[in-house]
Amino acid sequence: RDIVRYREKNGPFRRVEELLIIKGISKKRLQSW
């Protein structure tokens, strides 16, 4: 829900790394995804 809300408010993510802005997404978690 937080990813979708962020995207709706701020527009598309330019890079996958921008997901680190979302609360709860750590560098380690993002690396695994």
All heavy atoms as atom14 arrays in JSON, in Angstrom:
{
  "sequence": "RDIVRYREKNGPFRRVEELLIIKGISKKRLQSW",
  "atom14_mask": [
    [1, 1, 1, 1, 1, 1, 1, 1, 1, 1, 1, 0, 0, 0],
    [1, 1, 1, 1, 1, 1, 1, 1, 0, 0, 0, 0, 0, 0],
    [1, 1, 1, 1, 1, 1, 1, 1, 0, 0, 0, 0, 0, 0],
    [1, 1, 1, 1, 1, 1, 1, 0, 0, 0, 0, 0, 0, 0],
    [1, 1, 1, 1, 1, 1, 1, 1, 1, 1, 1, 0, 0, 0],
    [1, 1, 1, 1, 1, 1, 1, 1, 1, 1, 1, 1, 0, 0],
    [1, 1, 1, 1, 1, 1, 1, 1, 1, 1, 1, 0, 0, 0],
    [1, 1, 1, 1, 1, 1, 1, 1, 1, 0, 0, 0, 0, 0],
    [1, 1, 1, 1, 1, 1, 1, 1, 1, 0, 0, 0, 0, 0],
    [1, 1, 1, 1, 1, 1, 1, 1, 0, 0, 0, 0, 0, 0],
    [1, 1, 1, 1, 0, 0, 0, 0, 0, 0, 0, 0, 0, 0],
    [1, 1, 1, 1, 1, 1, 1, 0, 0, 0, 0, 0, 0, 0],
    [1, 1, 1, 1, 1, 1, 1, 1, 1, 1, 1, 0, 0, 0],
    [1, 1, 1, 1, 1, 1, 1, 1, 1, 1, 1, 0, 0, 0],
    [1, 1, 1, 1, 1, 1, 1, 1, 1, 1, 1, 0, 0, 0],
    [1, 1, 1, 1, 1, 1, 1, 0, 0, 0, 0, 0, 0, 0],
    [1, 1, 1, 1, 1, 1, 1, 1, 1, 0, 0, 0, 0, 0],
    [1, 1, 1, 1, 1, 1, 1, 1, 1, 0, 0, 0, 0, 0],
    [1, 1, 1, 1, 1, 1, 1, 1, 0, 0, 0, 0, 0, 0],
    [1, 1, 1, 1, 1, 1, 1, 1, 0, 0, 0, 0, 0, 0],
    [1, 1, 1, 1, 1, 1, 1, 1, 0, 0, 0, 0, 0, 0],
    [1, 1, 1, 1, 1, 1, 1, 1, 0, 0, 0, 0, 0, 0],
    [1, 1, 1, 1, 1, 1, 1, 1, 1, 0, 0, 0, 0, 0],
    [1, 1, 1, 1, 0, 0, 0, 0, 0, 0, 0, 0, 0, 0],
    [1, 1, 1, 1, 1, 1, 1, 1, 0, 0, 0, 0, 0, 0],
    [1, 1, 1, 1, 1, 1, 0, 0, 0, 0, 0, 0, 0, 0],
    [1, 1, 1, 1, 1, 1, 1, 1, 1, 0, 0, 0, 0, 0],
    [1, 1, 1, 1, 1, 1, 1, 1, 1, 0, 0, 0, 0, 0],
    [1, 1, 1, 1, 1, 1, 1, 1, 1, 1, 1, 0, 0, 0],
    [1, 1, 1, 1, 1, 1, 1, 1, 0, 0, 0, 0, 0, 0],
    [1, 1, 1, 1, 1, 1, 1, 1, 1, 0, 0, 0, 0, 0],
    [1, 1, 1, 1, 1, 1, 0, 0, 0, 0, 0, 0, 0, 0],
    [1, 1, 1, 1, 1, 1, 1, 1, 1, 1, 1, 1, 1, 1]
  ],
  "atom14_positions": [
    [[0.83, -1.2, 0.0], [0.0, 0.0, 0.0], [0.87, 1.25, 0.0], [0.6, 2.21, -0.74], [-0.91, -0.01, 1.23], [-1.85, 1.2, 1.29], [-2.41, 1.43, 2.67], [-1.31, 1.78, 3.56], [-1.23, 1.41, 4.83], [-2.16, 0.66, 5.38], [-0.2, 1.78, 5.58], [0.0, 0.0, 0.0], [0.0, 0.0, 0.0], [0.0, 0.0, 0.0]],
    [[1.93, 1.25, 0.81], [2.81, 2.42, 0.88], [3.51, 2.68, -0.45], [3.68, 3.84, -0.85], [3.84, 2.23, 1.99], [3.23, 2.3, 3.38], [2.04, 2.69, 3.51], [3.93, 1.95, 4.35], [0.0, 0.0, 0.0], [0.0, 0.0, 0.0], [0.0, 0.0, 0.0], [0.0, 0.0, 0.0], [0.0, 0.0, 0.0], [0.0, 0.0, 0.0]],
    [[3.9, 1.63, -1.16], [4.54, 1.79, -2.47], [3.56, 2.41, -3.46], [3.88, 3.37, -4.17], [5.08, 0.45, -2.99], [6.27, -0.01, -2.13], [5.48, 0.55, -4.48], [6.72, -1.44, -2.4], [0.0, 0.0, 0.0], [0.0, 0.0, 0.0], [0.0, 0.0, 0.0], [0.0, 0.0, 0.0], [0.0, 0.0, 0.0], [0.0, 0.0, 0.0]],
    [[2.34, 1.88, -3.49], [1.33, 2.4, -4.42], [0.99, 3.85, -4.08], [0.92, 4.71, -4.98], [0.07, 1.51, -4.41], [-1.07, 2.16, -5.19], [0.39, 0.13, -4.98], [0.0, 0.0, 0.0], [0.0, 0.0, 0.0], [0.0, 0.0, 0.0], [0.0, 0.0, 0.0], [0.0, 0.0, 0.0], [0.0, 0.0, 0.0], [0.0, 0.0, 0.0]],
    [[0.82, 4.16, -2.81], [0.49, 5.54, -2.4], [1.62, 6.5, -2.76], [1.37, 7.61, -3.24], [0.23, 5.6, -0.9], [-1.14, 5.1, -0.53], [-1.38, 5.3, 0.95], [-2.7, 4.81, 1.32], [-3.1, 4.66, 2.57], [-2.28, 4.96, 3.57], [-4.3, 4.21, 2.84], [0.0, 0.0, 0.0], [0.0, 0.0, 0.0], [0.0, 0.0, 0.0]],
    [[2.86, 6.08, -2.51], [4.0, 6.94, -2.84], [4.02, 7.23, -4.34], [4.19, 8.37, -4.77], [5.32, 6.28, -2.4], [6.5, 7.17, -2.69], [6.92, 8.11, -1.77], [7.18, 7.09, -3.91], [7.99, 8.96, -2.04], [8.25, 7.93, -4.19], [8.64, 8.86, -3.26], [9.69, 9.7, -3.54], [0.0, 0.0, 0.0], [0.0, 0.0, 0.0]],
    [[3.82, 6.18, -5.13], [3.83, 6.31, -6.59], [2.71, 7.23, -7.07], [2.91, 8.06, -7.95], [3.65, 4.89, -7.15], [3.78, 4.74, -8.61], [3.66, 3.29, -8.99], [2.3, 2.8, -8.84], [1.97, 1.52, -8.69], [2.89, 0.6, -8.68], [0.72, 1.17, -8.58], [0.0, 0.0, 0.0], [0.0, 0.0, 0.0], [0.0, 0.0, 0.0]],
    [[1.51, 7.1, -6.47], [0.38, 7.94, -6.87], [0.64, 9.41, -6.54], [0.25, 10.3, -7.29], [-0.9, 7.46, -6.17], [-1.41, 6.16, -6.72], [-2.55, 5.57, -5.89], [-2.81, 6.06, -4.76], [-3.16, 4.6, -6.37], [0.0, 0.0, 0.0], [0.0, 0.0, 0.0], [0.0, 0.0, 0.0], [0.0, 0.0, 0.0], [0.0, 0.0, 0.0]],
    [[1.32, 9.65, -5.42], [1.57, 11.02, -4.98], [2.76, 11.66, -5.69], [2.75, 12.85, -5.99], [1.81, 11.02, -3.47], [1.98, 12.39, -2.88], [2.13, 12.33, -1.37], [2.33, 13.71, -0.8], [2.55, 13.68, 0.66], [0.0, 0.0, 0.0], [0.0, 0.0, 0.0], [0.0, 0.0, 0.0], [0.0, 0.0, 0.0], [0.0, 0.0, 0.0]],
    [[3.8, 10.86, -5.96], [5.07, 11.41, -6.45], [5.42, 11.04, -7.89], [6.45, 11.45, -8.38], [6.21, 10.96, -5.53], [6.0, 11.45, -4.12], [6.13, 12.63, -3.85], [5.64, 10.55, -3.22], [0.0, 0.0, 0.0], [0.0, 0.0, 0.0], [0.0, 0.0, 0.0], [0.0, 0.0, 0.0], [0.0, 0.0, 0.0], [0.0, 0.0, 0.0]],
    [[4.61, 10.23, -8.52], [4.91, 9.8, -9.88], [5.76, 8.54, -9.88], [6.07, 7.98, -8.83], [0.0, 0.0, 0.0], [0.0, 0.0, 0.0], [0.0, 0.0, 0.0], [0.0, 0.0, 0.0], [0.0, 0.0, 0.0], [0.0, 0.0, 0.0], [0.0, 0.0, 0.0], [0.0, 0.0, 0.0], [0.0, 0.0, 0.0], [0.0, 0.0, 0.0]],
    [[6.14, 8.09, -11.08], [6.84, 6.81, -11.2], [8.24, 6.84, -10.58], [8.87, 7.9, -10.48], [6.92, 6.59, -12.71], [6.76, 7.93, -13.32], [5.93, 8.74, -12.37], [0.0, 0.0, 0.0], [0.0, 0.0, 0.0], [0.0, 0.0, 0.0], [0.0, 0.0, 0.0], [0.0, 0.0, 0.0], [0.0, 0.0, 0.0], [0.0, 0.0, 0.0]],
    [[8.66, 5.66, -10.16], [10.03, 5.49, -9.68], [10.96, 5.49, -10.9], [10.69, 4.8, -11.88], [10.18, 4.16, -8.94], [9.4, 4.09, -7.66], [8.13, 3.54, -7.63], [9.94, 4.57, -6.47], [7.41, 3.46, -6.44], [9.23, 4.5, -5.28], [7.96, 3.95, -5.27], [0.0, 0.0, 0.0], [0.0, 0.0, 0.0], [0.0, 0.0, 0.0]],
    [[12.03, 6.26, -10.84], [12.99, 6.26, -11.95], [13.95, 5.09, -11.85], [14.4, 4.55, -12.85], [13.77, 7.58, -11.96], [12.92, 8.77, -12.35], [13.71, 10.06, -12.41], [14.44, 10.35, -11.19], [13.93, 10.99, -10.13], [12.69, 11.4, -10.16], [14.66, 11.21, -9.05], [0.0, 0.0, 0.0], [0.0, 0.0, 0.0], [0.0, 0.0, 0.0]],
    [[14.27, 4.72, -10.59], [15.18, 3.59, -10.35], [14.61, 2.75, -9.22], [13.97, 3.28, -8.32], [16.57, 4.11, -9.95], [17.23, 4.93, -11.04], [18.57, 5.56, -10.64], [19.27, 4.86, -9.59], [19.72, 5.43, -8.47], [19.52, 6.73, -8.25], [20.37, 4.73, -7.57], [0.0, 0.0, 0.0], [0.0, 0.0, 0.0], [0.0, 0.0, 0.0]],
    [[14.9, 1.47, -9.25], [14.44, 0.55, -8.21], [14.93, 1.01, -6.84], [14.23, 0.89, -5.83], [14.91, -0.89, -8.54], [14.69, -1.82, -7.37], [14.21, -1.41, -9.79], [0.0, 0.0, 0.0], [0.0, 0.0, 0.0], [0.0, 0.0, 0.0], [0.0, 0.0, 0.0], [0.0, 0.0, 0.0], [0.0, 0.0, 0.0], [0.0, 0.0, 0.0]],
    [[16.13, 1.59, -6.78], [16.72, 2.03, -5.52], [15.87, 3.08, -4.8], [16.0, 3.26, -3.59], [18.15, 2.58, -5.75], [19.15, 1.52, -6.12], [19.06, 1.04, -7.57], [18.38, 1.68, -8.4], [19.66, 0.01, -7.87], [0.0, 0.0, 0.0], [0.0, 0.0, 0.0], [0.0, 0.0, 0.0], [0.0, 0.0, 0.0], [0.0, 0.0, 0.0]],
    [[15.01, 3.76, -5.53], [14.14, 4.77, -4.91], [13.15, 4.13, -3.93], [12.57, 4.82, -3.1], [13.4, 5.57, -5.98], [14.3, 6.48, -6.76], [13.56, 7.24, -7.85], [12.33, 7.44, -7.74], [14.21, 7.64, -8.82], [0.0, 0.0, 0.0], [0.0, 0.0, 0.0], [0.0, 0.0, 0.0], [0.0, 0.0, 0.0], [0.0, 0.0, 0.0]],
    [[12.97, 2.82, -4.0], [12.09, 2.14, -3.05], [12.61, 2.27, -1.62], [11.86, 2.07, -0.66], [11.94, 0.66, -3.42], [11.08, 0.37, -4.64], [11.19, -1.1, -5.01], [9.63, 0.74, -4.38], [0.0, 0.0, 0.0], [0.0, 0.0, 0.0], [0.0, 0.0, 0.0], [0.0, 0.0, 0.0], [0.0, 0.0, 0.0], [0.0, 0.0, 0.0]],
    [[13.88, 2.6, -1.45], [14.45, 2.77, -0.11], [13.75, 3.91, 0.64], [13.84, 3.99, 1.87], [15.95, 3.03, -0.19], [16.79, 1.85, -0.67], [18.22, 2.28, -0.93], [16.75, 0.72, 0.36], [0.0, 0.0, 0.0], [0.0, 0.0, 0.0], [0.0, 0.0, 0.0], [0.0, 0.0, 0.0], [0.0, 0.0, 0.0], [0.0, 0.0, 0.0]],
    [[13.04, 4.76, -0.07], [12.29, 5.86, 0.54], [11.13, 5.29, 1.38], [10.73, 5.89, 2.37], [11.74, 6.81, -0.56], [12.9, 7.52, -1.27], [10.74, 7.79, 0.0], [12.51, 8.2, -2.56], [0.0, 0.0, 0.0], [0.0, 0.0, 0.0], [0.0, 0.0, 0.0], [0.0, 0.0, 0.0], [0.0, 0.0, 0.0], [0.0, 0.0, 0.0]],
    [[10.62, 4.13, 0.99], [9.46, 3.53, 1.65], [9.87, 2.95, 3.0], [10.85, 2.19, 3.08], [8.84, 2.42, 0.77], [8.53, 2.94, -0.64], [7.62, 1.81, 1.43], [7.54, 4.05, -0.72], [0.0, 0.0, 0.0], [0.0, 0.0, 0.0], [0.0, 0.0, 0.0], [0.0, 0.0, 0.0], [0.0, 0.0, 0.0], [0.0, 0.0, 0.0]],
    [[9.13, 3.3, 4.03], [9.42, 2.81, 5.39], [9.39, 1.29, 5.4], [8.47, 0.67, 4.87], [8.38, 3.35, 6.37], [8.64, 2.97, 7.79], [7.6, 3.54, 8.71], [7.9, 3.06, 10.12], [6.84, 3.37, 11.04], [0.0, 0.0, 0.0], [0.0, 0.0, 0.0], [0.0, 0.0, 0.0], [0.0, 0.0, 0.0], [0.0, 0.0, 0.0]],
    [[10.42, 0.7, 5.98], [10.48, -0.76, 6.1], [11.3, -1.44, 5.02], [11.58, -2.63, 5.11], [0.0, 0.0, 0.0], [0.0, 0.0, 0.0], [0.0, 0.0, 0.0], [0.0, 0.0, 0.0], [0.0, 0.0, 0.0], [0.0, 0.0, 0.0], [0.0, 0.0, 0.0], [0.0, 0.0, 0.0], [0.0, 0.0, 0.0], [0.0, 0.0, 0.0]],
    [[11.67, -0.7, 3.98], [12.49, -1.29, 2.92], [13.95, -0.92, 3.19], [14.34, 0.24, 3.08], [12.05, -0.83, 1.52], [10.6, -1.25, 1.26], [12.98, -1.41, 0.46], [10.06, -0.86, -0.09], [0.0, 0.0, 0.0], [0.0, 0.0, 0.0], [0.0, 0.0, 0.0], [0.0, 0.0, 0.0], [0.0, 0.0, 0.0], [0.0, 0.0, 0.0]],
    [[14.71, -1.93, 3.56], [16.13, -1.74, 3.86], [16.96, -2.04, 2.61], [16.45, -2.63, 1.64], [16.56, -2.69, 4.98], [16.43, -4.04, 4.53], [0.0, 0.0, 0.0], [0.0, 0.0, 0.0], [0.0, 0.0, 0.0], [0.0, 0.0, 0.0], [0.0, 0.0, 0.0], [0.0, 0.0, 0.0], [0.0, 0.0, 0.0], [0.0, 0.0, 0.0]],
    [[18.22, -1.66, 2.64], [19.12, -1.97, 1.52], [19.21, -3.49, 1.31], [19.21, -3.96, 0.18], [20.51, -1.4, 1.77], [20.57, 0.1, 1.64], [21.98, 0.61, 1.88], [22.01, 2.12, 1.79], [23.36, 2.65, 1.99], [0.0, 0.0, 0.0], [0.0, 0.0, 0.0], [0.0, 0.0, 0.0], [0.0, 0.0, 0.0], [0.0, 0.0, 0.0]],
    [[19.28, -4.22, 2.41], [19.38, -5.69, 2.33], [18.13, -6.28, 1.68], [18.22, -7.13, 0.8], [19.58, -6.26, 3.73], [19.75, -7.76, 3.75], [19.99, -8.25, 5.17], [20.11, -9.76, 5.18], [20.27, -10.28, 6.54], [0.0, 0.0, 0.0], [0.0, 0.0, 0.0], [0.0, 0.0, 0.0], [0.0, 0.0, 0.0], [0.0, 0.0, 0.0]],
    [[16.96, -5.82, 2.11], [15.71, -6.33, 1.54], [15.62, -5.98, 0.06], [15.28, -6.81, -0.77], [14.53, -5.74, 2.3], [13.19, -6.24, 1.79], [12.08, -5.79, 2.67], [11.98, -6.73, 3.78], [11.14, -6.62, 4.78], [10.32, -5.59, 4.85], [11.1, -7.52, 5.73], [0.0, 0.0, 0.0], [0.0, 0.0, 0.0], [0.0, 0.0, 0.0]],
    [[15.94, -4.74, -0.28], [15.89, -4.31, -1.68], [16.84, -5.14, -2.53], [16.49, -5.55, -3.64], [16.22, -2.82, -1.8], [16.17, -2.26, -3.22], [14.78, -2.39, -3.82], [16.63, -0.81, -3.23], [0.0, 0.0, 0.0], [0.0, 0.0, 0.0], [0.0, 0.0, 0.0], [0.0, 0.0, 0.0], [0.0, 0.0, 0.0], [0.0, 0.0, 0.0]],
    [[18.02, -5.42, -2.0], [19.0, -6.24, -2.73], [18.41, -7.61, -3.05], [18.61, -8.13, -4.15], [20.28, -6.37, -1.91], [21.48, -6.82, -2.71], [21.84, -5.85, -3.83], [21.75, -4.64, -3.68], [22.25, -6.38, -4.96], [0.0, 0.0, 0.0], [0.0, 0.0, 0.0], [0.0, 0.0, 0.0], [0.0, 0.0, 0.0], [0.0, 0.0, 0.0]],
    [[17.68, -8.19, -2.11], [17.1, -9.52, -2.34], [15.97, -9.48, -3.36], [15.68, -10.47, -4.01], [16.61, -10.13, -1.02], [15.43, -9.48, -0.57], [0.0, 0.0, 0.0], [0.0, 0.0, 0.0], [0.0, 0.0, 0.0], [0.0, 0.0, 0.0], [0.0, 0.0, 0.0], [0.0, 0.0, 0.0], [0.0, 0.0, 0.0], [0.0, 0.0, 0.0]],
    [[15.34, -8.32, -3.52], [14.24, -8.18, -4.49], [14.71, -7.78, -5.88], [13.97, -7.97, -6.85], [13.27, -7.1, -4.03], [12.47, -7.43, -2.84], [12.22, -8.66, -2.28], [11.77, -6.49, -2.02], [11.44, -8.53, -1.18], [11.14, -7.21, -0.99], [11.63, -5.11, -2.05], [10.36, -6.6, -0.02], [10.86, -4.5, -1.08], [10.23, -5.24, -0.08]]
  ]
}
